[in-house]
PDB file of N, CA and C in Angstrom:
ATOM      1  N   MET A   1       1.576  51.612 -27.953  1.00  0.00           N
ATOM      2  CA  MET A   1       2.101  51.311 -29.237  1.00  0.00           C
ATOM      3  C   MET A   1       3.519  50.588 -28.916  1.00  0.00           C
ATOM      4  N   ASP A   2       3.641  49.460 -29.638  1.00  0.00           N
ATOM      5  CA  ASP A   2       4.907  48.609 -29.420  1.00  0.00           C
ATOM      6  C   ASP A   2       6.003  49.319 -30.319  1.00  0.00           C
ATOM      7  N   ASP A   3       7.247  49.220 -29.891  1.00  0.00           N
ATOM      8  CA  ASP A   3       8.372  49.724 -30.799  1.00  0.00           C
ATOM      9  C   ASP A   3       8.333  49.257 -32.210  1.00  0.00           C
ATOM     10  N   GLN A   4       8.071  48.029 -32.348  1.00  0.00           N
ATOM     11  CA  GLN A   4       8.010  47.371 -33.650  1.00  0.00           C
ATOM     12  C   GLN A   4       6.894  47.841 -34.475  1.00  0.00           C
ATOM     13  N   ASP A   5       5.856  48.342 -33.975  1.00  0.00           N
ATOM     14  CA  ASP A   5       4.695  48.926 -34.671  1.00  0.00           C
ATOM     15  C   ASP A   5       4.964  50.255 -35.342  1.00  0.00           C
ATOM     16  N   LEU A   6       5.976  50.940 -34.801  1.00  0.00           N
ATOM     17  CA  LEU A   6       6.173  52.371 -35.238  1.00  0.00           C
ATOM     18  C   LEU A   6       6.423  52.479 -36.728  1.00  0.00           C
ATOM     19  N   TYR A   7       7.227  51.666 -37.261  1.00  0.00           N
ATOM     20  CA  TYR A   7       7.548  51.687 -38.738  1.00  0.00           C
ATOM     21  C   TYR A   7       6.202  51.595 -39.585  1.00  0.00           C
ATOM     22  N   ALA A   8       5.428  50.674 -39.162  1.00  0.00           N
ATOM     23  CA  ALA A   8       4.148  50.429 -39.770  1.00  0.00           C
ATOM     24  C   ALA A   8       3.248  51.638 -39.805  1.00  0.00           C
ATOM     25  N   THR A   9       3.305  52.374 -38.658  1.00  0.00           N
ATOM     26  CA  THR A   9       2.516  53.553 -38.478  1.00  0.00           C
ATOM     27  C   THR A   9       2.983  54.807 -39.178  1.00  0.00           C
ATOM     28  N   ILE A  10       4.323  55.051 -39.193  1.00  0.00           N
ATOM     29  CA  ILE A  10       4.807  56.313 -39.786  1.00  0.00           C
ATOM     30  C   ILE A  10       5.590  56.004 -41.218  1.00  0.00           C
ATOM     31  N   GLY A  11       6.078  54.796 -41.297  1.00  0.00           N
ATOM     32  CA  GLY A  11       6.702  54.423 -42.575  1.00  0.00           C
ATOM     33  C   GLY A  11       8.042  55.179 -42.899  1.00  0.00           C
ATOM     34  N   GLU A  12       8.619  54.885 -44.021  1.00  0.00           N
ATOM     35  CA  GLU A  12       9.847  55.628 -44.377  1.00  0.00           C
ATOM     36  C   GLU A  12       9.683  57.120 -44.441  1.00  0.00           C
ATOM     37  N   ASP A  13       8.511  57.702 -44.911  1.00  0.00           N
ATOM     38  CA  ASP A  13       8.274  59.026 -44.973  1.00  0.00           C
ATOM     39  C   ASP A  13       8.360  59.738 -43.689  1.00  0.00           C
ATOM     40  N   GLY A  14       7.726  59.139 -42.712  1.00  0.00           N
ATOM     41  CA  GLY A  14       7.767  59.707 -41.329  1.00  0.00           C
ATOM     42  C   GLY A  14       9.110  59.897 -40.761  1.00  0.00           C
ATOM     43  N   PHE A  15       9.883  58.729 -40.904  1.00  0.00           N
ATOM     44  CA  PHE A  15      11.244  58.823 -40.425  1.00  0.00           C
ATOM     45  C   PHE A  15      12.080  59.867 -41.210  1.00  0.00           C
ATOM     46  N   ALA A  16      11.915  59.796 -42.543  1.00  0.00           N
ATOM     47  CA  ALA A  16      12.740  60.752 -43.371  1.00  0.00           C
ATOM     48  C   ALA A  16      12.293  62.212 -43.095  1.00  0.00           C
ATOM     49  N   ARG A  17      11.089  62.534 -42.874  1.00  0.00           N
ATOM     50  CA  ARG A  17      10.621  64.001 -42.541  1.00  0.00           C
ATOM     51  C   ARG A  17      11.203  64.323 -41.164  1.00  0.00           C
ATOM     52  N   LEU A  18      11.179  63.403 -40.167  1.00  0.00           N
ATOM     53  CA  LEU A  18      11.743  63.744 -38.814  1.00  0.00           C
ATOM     54  C   LEU A  18      13.159  64.002 -38.891  1.00  0.00           C
ATOM     55  N   VAL A  19      13.930  63.095 -39.488  1.00  0.00           N
ATOM     56  CA  VAL A  19      15.391  63.205 -39.467  1.00  0.00           C
ATOM     57  C   VAL A  19      15.859  64.524 -40.257  1.00  0.00           C
ATOM     58  N   ALA A  20      15.163  64.766 -41.447  1.00  0.00           N
ATOM     59  CA  ALA A  20      15.461  66.014 -42.151  1.00  0.00           C
ATOM     60  C   ALA A  20      15.162  67.130 -41.375  1.00  0.00           C
ATOM     61  N   ALA A  21      14.098  67.245 -40.550  1.00  0.00           N
ATOM     62  CA  ALA A  21      13.764  68.300 -39.797  1.00  0.00           C
ATOM     63  C   ALA A  21      14.866  68.516 -38.661  1.00  0.00           C
ATOM     64  N   PHE A  22      15.338  67.421 -38.156  1.00  0.00           N
ATOM     65  CA  PHE A  22      16.382  67.541 -37.185  1.00  0.00           C
ATOM     66  C   PHE A  22      17.712  68.101 -37.839  1.00  0.00           C
ATOM     67  N   TYR A  23      18.133  67.531 -38.959  1.00  0.00           N
ATOM     68  CA  TYR A  23      19.378  67.984 -39.503  1.00  0.00           C
ATOM     69  C   TYR A  23      19.327  69.355 -40.109  1.00  0.00           C
ATOM     70  N   ARG A  24      18.178  69.915 -40.454  1.00  0.00           N
ATOM     71  CA  ARG A  24      18.110  71.279 -40.972  1.00  0.00           C
ATOM     72  C   ARG A  24      18.483  72.222 -39.865  1.00  0.00           C
ATOM     73  N   GLN A  25      18.479  71.799 -38.636  1.00  0.00           N
ATOM     74  CA  GLN A  25      18.864  72.731 -37.553  1.00  0.00           C
ATOM     75  C   GLN A  25      20.267  72.666 -37.105  1.00  0.00           C
ATOM     76  N   VAL A  26      20.944  71.535 -37.490  1.00  0.00           N
ATOM     77  CA  VAL A  26      22.293  71.231 -36.961  1.00  0.00           C
ATOM     78  C   VAL A  26      23.305  72.213 -37.492  1.00  0.00           C
ATOM     79  N   PRO A  27      23.408  72.640 -38.740  1.00  0.00           N
ATOM     80  CA  PRO A  27      24.529  73.440 -39.223  1.00  0.00           C
ATOM     81  C   PRO A  27      24.648  74.782 -38.449  1.00  0.00           C
ATOM     82  N   GLY A  28      23.532  75.358 -38.073  1.00  0.00           N
ATOM     83  CA  GLY A  28      23.631  76.671 -37.370  1.00  0.00           C
ATOM     84  C   GLY A  28      23.692  76.573 -35.847  1.00  0.00           C
ATOM     85  N   ASP A  29      23.659  75.375 -35.268  1.00  0.00           N
ATOM     86  CA  ASP A  29      23.756  75.242 -33.887  1.00  0.00           C
ATOM     87  C   ASP A  29      25.227  75.374 -33.382  1.00  0.00           C
ATOM     88  N   ASP A  30      25.284  76.161 -32.327  1.00  0.00           N
ATOM     89  CA  ASP A  30      26.698  76.478 -31.836  1.00  0.00           C
ATOM     90  C   ASP A  30      27.255  75.201 -30.996  1.00  0.00           C
ATOM     91  N   ILE A  31      26.457  74.356 -30.589  1.00  0.00           N
ATOM     92  CA  ILE A  31      26.969  73.097 -29.795  1.00  0.00           C
ATOM     93  C   ILE A  31      27.143  71.893 -30.776  1.00  0.00           C
ATOM     94  N   LEU A  32      26.025  71.520 -31.471  1.00  0.00           N
ATOM     95  CA  LEU A  32      26.164  70.389 -32.356  1.00  0.00           C
ATOM     96  C   LEU A  32      26.714  70.653 -33.647  1.00  0.00           C
ATOM     97  N   GLY A  33      26.486  71.782 -34.230  1.00  0.00           N
ATOM     98  CA  GLY A  33      26.991  72.055 -35.546  1.00  0.00           C
ATOM     99  C   GLY A  33      28.552  71.716 -35.804  1.00  0.00           C
ATOM    100  N   PRO A  34      29.388  72.116 -34.845  1.00  0.00           N
ATOM    101  CA  PRO A  34      30.791  71.773 -34.960  1.00  0.00           C
ATOM    102  C   PRO A  34      31.102  70.297 -34.976  1.00  0.00           C
ATOM    103  N   MET A  35      30.234  69.502 -34.362  1.00  0.00           N
ATOM    104  CA  MET A  35      30.492  68.006 -34.360  1.00  0.00           C
ATOM    105  C   MET A  35      30.277  67.324 -35.711  1.00  0.00           C
ATOM    106  N   TYR A  36      29.528  67.973 -36.653  1.00  0.00           N
ATOM    107  CA  TYR A  36      29.185  67.365 -37.846  1.00  0.00           C
ATOM    108  C   TYR A  36      29.913  68.103 -38.931  1.00  0.00           C
ATOM    109  N   PRO A  37      30.911  67.368 -39.685  1.00  0.00           N
ATOM    110  CA  PRO A  37      31.527  67.931 -40.787  1.00  0.00           C
ATOM    111  C   PRO A  37      30.488  68.262 -41.891  1.00  0.00           C
ATOM    112  N   PRO A  38      30.464  69.447 -42.493  1.00  0.00           N
ATOM    113  CA  PRO A  38      29.435  69.895 -43.390  1.00  0.00           C
ATOM    114  C   PRO A  38      29.375  68.927 -44.536  1.00  0.00           C
ATOM    115  N   HIS A  39      30.491  68.427 -45.022  1.00  0.00           N
ATOM    116  CA  HIS A  39      30.369  67.604 -46.204  1.00  0.00           C
ATOM    117  C   HIS A  39      29.666  66.192 -45.848  1.00  0.00           C
ATOM    118  N   ASP A  40      29.593  65.780 -44.515  1.00  0.00           N
ATOM    119  CA  ASP A  40      29.004  64.598 -44.182  1.00  0.00           C
ATOM    120  C   ASP A  40      27.594  64.632 -43.619  1.00  0.00           C
ATOM    121  N   LEU A  41      26.938  65.880 -43.713  1.00  0.00           N
ATOM    122  CA  LEU A  41      25.645  65.951 -43.081  1.00  0.00           C
ATOM    123  C   LEU A  41      24.668  64.949 -43.874  1.00  0.00           C
ATOM    124  N   PRO A  42      24.736  64.887 -45.217  1.00  0.00           N
ATOM    125  CA  PRO A  42      23.772  64.064 -45.856  1.00  0.00           C
ATOM    126  C   PRO A  42      24.050  62.526 -45.322  1.00  0.00           C
ATOM    127  N   GLY A  43      25.323  62.160 -45.126  1.00  0.00           N
ATOM    128  CA  GLY A  43      25.606  60.780 -44.613  1.00  0.00           C
ATOM    129  C   GLY A  43      25.160  60.662 -43.207  1.00  0.00           C
ATOM    130  N   ALA A  44      25.256  61.688 -42.357  1.00  0.00           N
ATOM    131  CA  ALA A  44      24.724  61.584 -40.967  1.00  0.00           C
ATOM    132  C   ALA A  44      23.213  61.437 -40.947  1.00  0.00           C
ATOM    133  N   GLU A  45      22.638  62.115 -41.822  1.00  0.00           N
ATOM    134  CA  GLU A  45      21.155  62.043 -41.912  1.00  0.00           C
ATOM    135  C   GLU A  45      20.733  60.650 -42.327  1.00  0.00           C
ATOM    136  N   ALA A  46      21.352  60.137 -43.385  1.00  0.00           N
ATOM    137  CA  ALA A  46      20.971  58.786 -43.803  1.00  0.00           C
ATOM    138  C   ALA A  46      21.281  57.727 -42.698  1.00  0.00           C
ATOM    139  N   ARG A  47      22.381  57.927 -41.916  1.00  0.00           N
ATOM    140  CA  ARG A  47      22.676  56.935 -40.986  1.00  0.00           C
ATOM    141  C   ARG A  47      21.611  56.942 -39.796  1.00  0.00           C
ATOM    142  N   LEU A  48      21.277  58.164 -39.438  1.00  0.00           N
ATOM    143  CA  LEU A  48      20.266  58.222 -38.300  1.00  0.00           C
ATOM    144  C   LEU A  48      18.912  57.763 -38.760  1.00  0.00           C
ATOM    145  N   ARG A  49      18.496  58.035 -39.959  1.00  0.00           N
ATOM    146  CA  ARG A  49      17.272  57.642 -40.491  1.00  0.00           C
ATOM    147  C   ARG A  49      17.274  56.087 -40.643  1.00  0.00           C
ATOM    148  N   ASP A  50      18.289  55.503 -41.214  1.00  0.00           N
ATOM    149  CA  ASP A  50      18.414  54.055 -41.351  1.00  0.00           C
ATOM    150  C   ASP A  50      18.349  53.400 -39.978  1.00  0.00           C
ATOM    151  N   PHE A  51      19.040  53.950 -39.006  1.00  0.00           N
ATOM    152  CA  PHE A  51      19.126  53.355 -37.692  1.00  0.00           C
ATOM    153  C   PHE A  51      17.707  53.331 -37.093  1.00  0.00           C
ATOM    154  N   LEU A  52      17.022  54.528 -37.176  1.00  0.00           N
ATOM    155  CA  LEU A  52      15.666  54.548 -36.619  1.00  0.00           C
ATOM    156  C   LEU A  52      14.754  53.552 -37.297  1.00  0.00           C
ATOM    157  N   VAL A  53      14.753  53.513 -38.645  1.00  0.00           N
ATOM    158  CA  VAL A  53      13.852  52.689 -39.379  1.00  0.00           C
ATOM    159  C   VAL A  53      14.067  51.260 -38.955  1.00  0.00           C
ATOM    160  N   GLY A  54      15.326  50.779 -38.813  1.00  0.00           N
ATOM    161  CA  GLY A  54      15.502  49.407 -38.490  1.00  0.00           C
ATOM    162  C   GLY A  54      15.210  49.159 -36.891  1.00  0.00           C
ATOM    163  N   ARG A  55      15.454  50.156 -36.151  1.00  0.00           N
ATOM    164  CA  ARG A  55      15.228  49.955 -34.602  1.00  0.00           C
ATOM    165  C   ARG A  55      13.667  49.874 -34.366  1.00  0.00           C
ATOM    166  N   PHE A  56      12.872  50.486 -35.218  1.00  0.00           N
ATOM    167  CA  PHE A  56      11.481  50.547 -35.054  1.00  0.00           C
ATOM    168  C   PHE A  56      10.664  49.737 -35.931  1.00  0.00           C
ATOM    169  N   GLY A  57      11.311  48.627 -36.516  1.00  0.00           N
ATOM    170  CA  GLY A  57      10.503  47.576 -37.303  1.00  0.00           C
ATOM    171  C   GLY A  57      10.648  47.622 -38.819  1.00  0.00           C
ATOM    172  N   GLY A  58      11.396  48.505 -39.346  1.00  0.00           N
ATOM    173  CA  GLY A  58      11.552  48.626 -40.813  1.00  0.00           C
ATOM    174  C   GLY A  58      12.710  47.799 -41.224  1.00  0.00           C
ATOM    175  N   PRO A  59      13.105  47.965 -42.462  1.00  0.00           N
ATOM    176  CA  PRO A  59      14.172  47.194 -43.079  1.00  0.00           C
ATOM    177  C   PRO A  59      15.515  47.504 -42.283  1.00  0.00           C
ATOM    178  N   PRO A  60      16.396  46.449 -42.036  1.00  0.00           N
ATOM    179  CA  PRO A  60      17.559  46.664 -41.201  1.00  0.00           C
ATOM    180  C   PRO A  60      18.804  47.206 -42.025  1.00  0.00           C
ATOM    181  N   ARG A  61      18.617  48.295 -42.762  1.00  0.00           N
ATOM    182  CA  ARG A  61      19.671  48.756 -43.580  1.00  0.00           C
ATOM    183  C   ARG A  61      20.909  49.221 -42.831  1.00  0.00           C
ATOM    184  N   TYR A  62      20.643  49.831 -41.710  1.00  0.00           N
ATOM    185  CA  TYR A  62      21.769  50.315 -40.926  1.00  0.00           C
ATOM    186  C   TYR A  62      22.744  49.100 -40.446  1.00  0.00           C
ATOM    187  N   VAL A  63      22.092  48.088 -39.974  1.00  0.00           N
ATOM    188  CA  VAL A  63      22.801  46.932 -39.434  1.00  0.00           C
ATOM    189  C   VAL A  63      23.492  46.249 -40.621  1.00  0.00           C
ATOM    190  N   GLU A  64      22.817  46.142 -41.798  1.00  0.00           N
ATOM    191  CA  GLU A  64      23.356  45.501 -42.879  1.00  0.00           C
ATOM    192  C   GLU A  64      24.628  46.204 -43.385  1.00  0.00           C
ATOM    193  N   GLN A  65      24.637  47.564 -43.395  1.00  0.00           N
ATOM    194  CA  GLN A  65      25.580  48.408 -43.923  1.00  0.00           C
ATOM    195  C   GLN A  65      26.787  48.633 -42.874  1.00  0.00           C
ATOM    196  N   ARG A  66      26.411  48.742 -41.568  1.00  0.00           N
ATOM    197  CA  ARG A  66      27.446  49.129 -40.529  1.00  0.00           C
ATOM    198  C   ARG A  66      27.515  48.165 -39.420  1.00  0.00           C
ATOM    199  N   GLY A  67      26.771  47.155 -39.306  1.00  0.00           N
ATOM    200  CA  GLY A  67      26.812  46.241 -38.302  1.00  0.00           C
ATOM    201  C   GLY A  67      26.022  46.741 -36.950  1.00  0.00           C
ATOM    202  N   HIS A  68      26.364  46.109 -35.840  1.00  0.00           N
ATOM    203  CA  HIS A  68      25.663  46.438 -34.666  1.00  0.00           C
ATOM    204  C   HIS A  68      25.848  47.958 -34.438  1.00  0.00           C
ATOM    205  N   PRO A  69      24.822  48.717 -33.953  1.00  0.00           N
ATOM    206  CA  PRO A  69      24.945  50.184 -33.812  1.00  0.00           C
ATOM    207  C   PRO A  69      25.998  50.721 -32.853  1.00  0.00           C
ATOM    208  N   ARG A  70      26.312  49.964 -31.752  1.00  0.00           N
ATOM    209  CA  ARG A  70      27.285  50.420 -30.823  1.00  0.00           C
ATOM    210  C   ARG A  70      27.308  51.866 -30.620  1.00  0.00           C
ATOM    211  N   LEU A  71      26.203  52.426 -30.292  1.00  0.00           N
ATOM    212  CA  LEU A  71      26.004  53.901 -30.300  1.00  0.00           C
ATOM    213  C   LEU A  71      26.997  54.551 -29.396  1.00  0.00           C
ATOM    214  N   ARG A  72      27.261  54.120 -28.218  1.00  0.00           N
ATOM    215  CA  ARG A  72      28.268  54.796 -27.294  1.00  0.00           C
ATOM    216  C   ARG A  72      29.704  54.750 -27.889  1.00  0.00           C
ATOM    217  N   MET A  73      30.011  53.672 -28.411  1.00  0.00           N
ATOM    218  CA  MET A  73      31.341  53.508 -28.981  1.00  0.00           C
ATOM    219  C   MET A  73      31.484  54.483 -30.164  1.00  0.00           C
ATOM    220  N   ARG A  74      30.486  54.481 -31.062  1.00  0.00           N
ATOM    221  CA  ARG A  74      30.665  55.326 -32.233  1.00  0.00           C
ATOM    222  C   ARG A  74      30.642  56.842 -31.957  1.00  0.00           C
ATOM    223  N   HIS A  75      29.982  57.196 -30.827  1.00  0.00           N
ATOM    224  CA  HIS A  75      29.985  58.603 -30.365  1.00  0.00           C
ATOM    225  C   HIS A  75      31.096  59.030 -29.409  1.00  0.00           C
ATOM    226  N   MET A  76      32.030  58.024 -29.107  1.00  0.00           N
ATOM    227  CA  MET A  76      33.023  58.336 -28.158  1.00  0.00           C
ATOM    228  C   MET A  76      33.972  59.535 -28.586  1.00  0.00           C
ATOM    229  N   PRO A  77      34.284  59.591 -29.784  1.00  0.00           N
ATOM    230  CA  PRO A  77      35.241  60.649 -30.244  1.00  0.00           C
ATOM    231  C   PRO A  77      34.652  62.065 -29.964  1.00  0.00           C
ATOM    232  N   PHE A  78      33.295  62.130 -29.809  1.00  0.00           N
ATOM    233  CA  PHE A  78      32.632  63.389 -29.606  1.00  0.00           C
ATOM    234  C   PHE A  78      32.386  63.707 -28.074  1.00  0.00           C
ATOM    235  N   VAL A  79      32.562  64.977 -27.769  1.00  0.00           N
ATOM    236  CA  VAL A  79      32.140  65.393 -26.351  1.00  0.00           C
ATOM    237  C   VAL A  79      30.693  65.420 -26.236  1.00  0.00           C
ATOM    238  N   VAL A  80      30.109  64.427 -25.542  1.00  0.00           N
ATOM    239  CA  VAL A  80      28.720  64.410 -25.299  1.00  0.00           C
ATOM    240  C   VAL A  80      28.547  64.610 -23.845  1.00  0.00           C
ATOM    241  N   ASP A  81      28.439  65.826 -23.455  1.00  0.00           N
ATOM    242  CA  ASP A  81      28.200  66.109 -22.046  1.00  0.00           C
ATOM    243  C   ASP A  81      26.706  66.526 -21.847  1.00  0.00           C
ATOM    244  N   ALA A  82      26.317  66.862 -20.659  1.00  0.00           N
ATOM    245  CA  ALA A  82      24.938  67.158 -20.375  1.00  0.00           C
ATOM    246  C   ALA A  82      24.434  68.292 -21.240  1.00  0.00           C
ATOM    247  N   ARG A  83      25.223  69.289 -21.623  1.00  0.00           N
ATOM    248  CA  ARG A  83      24.905  70.349 -22.446  1.00  0.00           C
ATOM    249  C   ARG A  83      24.614  69.861 -23.767  1.00  0.00           C
ATOM    250  N   ALA A  84      25.463  69.046 -24.395  1.00  0.00           N
ATOM    251  CA  ALA A  84      25.245  68.575 -25.776  1.00  0.00           C
ATOM    252  C   ALA A  84      24.061  67.634 -25.820  1.00  0.00           C
ATOM    253  N   ARG A  85      23.829  66.752 -24.736  1.00  0.00           N
ATOM    254  CA  ARG A  85      22.701  65.995 -24.737  1.00  0.00           C
ATOM    255  C   ARG A  85      21.380  66.791 -24.751  1.00  0.00           C
ATOM    256  N   ASP A  86      21.422  67.847 -23.881  1.00  0.00           N
ATOM    257  CA  ASP A  86      20.124  68.659 -23.807  1.00  0.00           C
ATOM    258  C   ASP A  86      19.850  69.400 -25.128  1.00  0.00           C
ATOM    259  N   ARG A  87      20.985  69.818 -25.757  1.00  0.00           N
ATOM    260  CA  ARG A  87      20.674  70.526 -27.028  1.00  0.00           C
ATOM    261  C   ARG A  87      20.193  69.473 -28.108  1.00  0.00           C
ATOM    262  N   TRP A  88      20.693  68.356 -28.174  1.00  0.00           N
ATOM    263  CA  TRP A  88      20.363  67.295 -29.116  1.00  0.00           C
ATOM    264  C   TRP A  88      18.854  67.007 -28.873  1.00  0.00           C
ATOM    265  N   VAL A  89      18.507  66.809 -27.617  1.00  0.00           N
ATOM    266  CA  VAL A  89      17.063  66.584 -27.307  1.00  0.00           C
ATOM    267  C   VAL A  89      16.219  67.817 -27.707  1.00  0.00           C
ATOM    268  N   SER A  90      16.656  68.982 -27.458  1.00  0.00           N
ATOM    269  CA  SER A  90      16.004  70.139 -27.916  1.00  0.00           C
ATOM    270  C   SER A  90      15.702  70.268 -29.304  1.00  0.00           C
ATOM    271  N   LEU A  91      16.759  70.031 -30.194  1.00  0.00           N
ATOM    272  CA  LEU A  91      16.578  70.026 -31.655  1.00  0.00           C
ATOM    273  C   LEU A  91      15.727  68.885 -32.095  1.00  0.00           C
ATOM    274  N   MET A  92      15.763  67.760 -31.478  1.00  0.00           N
ATOM    275  CA  MET A  92      14.971  66.588 -31.923  1.00  0.00           C
ATOM    276  C   MET A  92      13.499  66.830 -31.505  1.00  0.00           C
ATOM    277  N   THR A  93      13.335  67.489 -30.315  1.00  0.00           N
ATOM    278  CA  THR A  93      11.918  67.872 -29.830  1.00  0.00           C
ATOM    279  C   THR A  93      11.319  68.830 -30.833  1.00  0.00           C
ATOM    280  N   ARG A  94      11.989  69.818 -31.200  1.00  0.00           N
ATOM    281  CA  ARG A  94      11.541  70.744 -32.299  1.00  0.00           C
ATOM    282  C   ARG A  94      11.224  70.002 -33.603  1.00  0.00           C
ATOM    283  N   ALA A  95      12.035  69.065 -33.942  1.00  0.00           N
ATOM    284  CA  ALA A  95      11.801  68.372 -35.214  1.00  0.00           C
ATOM    285  C   ALA A  95      10.623  67.506 -35.067  1.00  0.00           C
ATOM    286  N   LEU A  96      10.357  66.883 -33.893  1.00  0.00           N
ATOM    287  CA  LEU A  96       9.189  66.122 -33.672  1.00  0.00           C
ATOM    288  C   LEU A  96       7.938  67.064 -33.756  1.00  0.00           C
ATOM    289  N   ASP A  97       8.060  68.247 -33.187  1.00  0.00           N
ATOM    290  CA  ASP A  97       6.939  69.265 -33.223  1.00  0.00           C
ATOM    291  C   ASP A  97       6.625  69.547 -34.669  1.00  0.00           C
ATOM    292  N   ASP A  98       7.617  69.848 -35.512  1.00  0.00           N
ATOM    293  CA  ASP A  98       7.563  70.162 -36.883  1.00  0.00           C
ATOM    294  C   ASP A  98       6.914  69.054 -37.714  1.00  0.00           C
ATOM    295  N   THR A  99       7.274  67.860 -37.481  1.00  0.00           N
ATOM    296  CA  THR A  99       6.944  66.668 -38.163  1.00  0.00           C
ATOM    297  C   THR A  99       5.493  66.314 -37.999  1.00  0.00           C
ATOM    298  N   ALA A 100       4.924  66.570 -36.785  1.00  0.00           N
ATOM    299  CA  ALA A 100       3.558  66.330 -36.425  1.00  0.00           C
ATOM    300  C   ALA A 100       3.144  64.879 -36.766  1.00  0.00           C
ATOM    301  N   LEU A 101       3.915  63.924 -36.096  1.00  0.00           N
ATOM    302  CA  LEU A 101       3.527  62.507 -36.241  1.00  0.00           C
ATOM    303  C   LEU A 101       2.283  62.181 -35.413  1.00  0.00           C
ATOM    304  N   PRO A 102       1.723  61.074 -35.602  1.00  0.00           N
ATOM    305  CA  PRO A 102       0.566  60.684 -34.705  1.00  0.00           C
ATOM    306  C   PRO A 102       0.947  60.630 -33.316  1.00  0.00           C
ATOM    307  N   PRO A 103      -0.054  61.006 -32.414  1.00  0.00           N
ATOM    308  CA  PRO A 103       0.369  61.241 -30.932  1.00  0.00           C
ATOM    309  C   PRO A 103       1.092  60.074 -30.378  1.00  0.00           C
ATOM    310  N   ASP A 104       0.637  58.840 -30.652  1.00  0.00           N
ATOM    311  CA  ASP A 104       1.203  57.588 -30.010  1.00  0.00           C
ATOM    312  C   ASP A 104       2.690  57.456 -30.506  1.00  0.00           C
ATOM    313  N   ALA A 105       2.907  57.683 -31.781  1.00  0.00           N
ATOM    314  CA  ALA A 105       4.287  57.585 -32.324  1.00  0.00           C
ATOM    315  C   ALA A 105       5.262  58.636 -31.760  1.00  0.00           C
ATOM    316  N   ASP A 106       4.603  59.906 -31.690  1.00  0.00           N
ATOM    317  CA  ASP A 106       5.384  61.055 -31.149  1.00  0.00           C
ATOM    318  C   ASP A 106       5.855  60.770 -29.675  1.00  0.00           C
ATOM    319  N   ALA A 107       4.917  60.232 -28.867  1.00  0.00           N
ATOM    320  CA  ALA A 107       5.226  59.939 -27.515  1.00  0.00           C
ATOM    321  C   ALA A 107       6.293  58.930 -27.385  1.00  0.00           C
ATOM    322  N   LEU A 108       6.120  57.790 -28.093  1.00  0.00           N
ATOM    323  CA  LEU A 108       7.201  56.736 -28.130  1.00  0.00           C
ATOM    324  C   LEU A 108       8.553  57.277 -28.495  1.00  0.00           C
ATOM    325  N   LEU A 109       8.588  58.061 -29.574  1.00  0.00           N
ATOM    326  CA  LEU A 109       9.888  58.641 -29.963  1.00  0.00           C
ATOM    327  C   LEU A 109      10.514  59.592 -28.970  1.00  0.00           C
ATOM    328  N   ARG A 110       9.703  60.416 -28.404  1.00  0.00           N
ATOM    329  CA  ARG A 110      10.197  61.467 -27.335  1.00  0.00           C
ATOM    330  C   ARG A 110      10.846  60.621 -26.110  1.00  0.00           C
ATOM    331  N   ALA A 111      10.112  59.586 -25.699  1.00  0.00           N
ATOM    332  CA  ALA A 111      10.717  58.779 -24.613  1.00  0.00           C
ATOM    333  C   ALA A 111      11.915  58.149 -25.013  1.00  0.00           C
ATOM    334  N   PHE A 112      11.959  57.492 -26.270  1.00  0.00           N
ATOM    335  CA  PHE A 112      13.169  56.856 -26.760  1.00  0.00           C
ATOM    336  C   PHE A 112      14.413  57.818 -26.841  1.00  0.00           C
ATOM    337  N   PHE A 113      14.117  59.067 -27.386  1.00  0.00           N
ATOM    338  CA  PHE A 113      15.235  60.023 -27.608  1.00  0.00           C
ATOM    339  C   PHE A 113      15.725  60.464 -26.248  1.00  0.00           C
ATOM    340  N   GLU A 114      14.869  60.795 -25.327  1.00  0.00           N
ATOM    341  CA  GLU A 114      15.289  61.249 -23.950  1.00  0.00           C
ATOM    342  C   GLU A 114      16.267  60.191 -23.358  1.00  0.00           C
ATOM    343  N   ALA A 115      15.818  58.860 -23.371  1.00  0.00           N
ATOM    344  CA  ALA A 115      16.626  57.824 -22.697  1.00  0.00           C
ATOM    345  C   ALA A 115      17.970  57.589 -23.456  1.00  0.00           C
ATOM    346  N   VAL A 116      17.960  57.481 -24.778  1.00  0.00           N
ATOM    347  CA  VAL A 116      19.183  57.256 -25.523  1.00  0.00           C
ATOM    348  C   VAL A 116      20.092  58.458 -25.368  1.00  0.00           C
ATOM    349  N   ALA A 117      19.671  59.605 -25.389  1.00  0.00           N
ATOM    350  CA  ALA A 117      20.482  60.717 -25.331  1.00  0.00           C
ATOM    351  C   ALA A 117      21.197  60.854 -24.002  1.00  0.00           C
ATOM    352  N   THR A 118      20.487  60.498 -22.853  1.00  0.00           N
ATOM    353  CA  THR A 118      21.137  60.360 -21.560  1.00  0.00           C
ATOM    354  C   THR A 118      22.154  59.264 -21.580  1.00  0.00           C
ATOM    355  N   HIS A 119      21.815  58.210 -22.105  1.00  0.00           N
ATOM    356  CA  HIS A 119      22.766  57.037 -22.261  1.00  0.00           C
ATOM    357  C   HIS A 119      24.044  57.407 -22.935  1.00  0.00           C
ATOM    358  N   MET A 120      23.923  58.375 -23.950  1.00  0.00           N
ATOM    359  CA  MET A 120      25.102  58.754 -24.751  1.00  0.00           C
ATOM    360  C   MET A 120      26.180  59.648 -24.040  1.00  0.00           C
ATOM    361  N   ILE A 121      25.691  60.152 -22.932  1.00  0.00           N
ATOM    362  CA  ILE A 121      26.735  61.136 -22.166  1.00  0.00           C
ATOM    363  C   ILE A 121      27.999  60.328 -21.979  1.00  0.00           C
ATOM    364  N   ASN A 122      29.157  60.990 -22.356  1.00  0.00           N
ATOM    365  CA  ASN A 122      30.401  60.345 -22.194  1.00  0.00           C
ATOM    366  C   ASN A 122      31.445  61.273 -21.555  1.00  0.00           C
ATOM    367  N   ARG A 123      31.066  62.438 -21.174  1.00  0.00           N
ATOM    368  CA  ARG A 123      31.917  63.331 -20.448  1.00  0.00           C
ATOM    369  C   ARG A 123      31.225  64.079 -19.252  1.00  0.00           C
ATOM    370  N   GLU A 124      31.847  64.426 -18.313  1.00  0.00           N
ATOM    371  CA  GLU A 124      31.320  65.164 -17.135  1.00  0.00           C
ATOM    372  C   GLU A 124      30.969  66.536 -17.606  1.00  0.00           C
TER     373      GLU A 124
END
């Protein structure tokens, strides 16, 4: 599956279900929870959903609203060490398991999230 085919395969609903499953876990998480102000969880959920939709072939809402993603720069204020990276991947893996996307879409997203999460590490 090509990256740009993913949106056509899972649509808005697939991305919305995945991101919602991820963010349901965040408030109670001892590592990631403190990084997300409770009042902004709906905003964080919308930003991740819109980023993923645009990245994988859907409408470019994220770029239209916020410009280039500049993921490392936007996450620099947060301590993203190996422990935070691993926890993020763990919660997203659980979200992927819960969402039960088609196998090819699931595999593409798991590889993408692993790579991007590693790229986001900004502290030893």
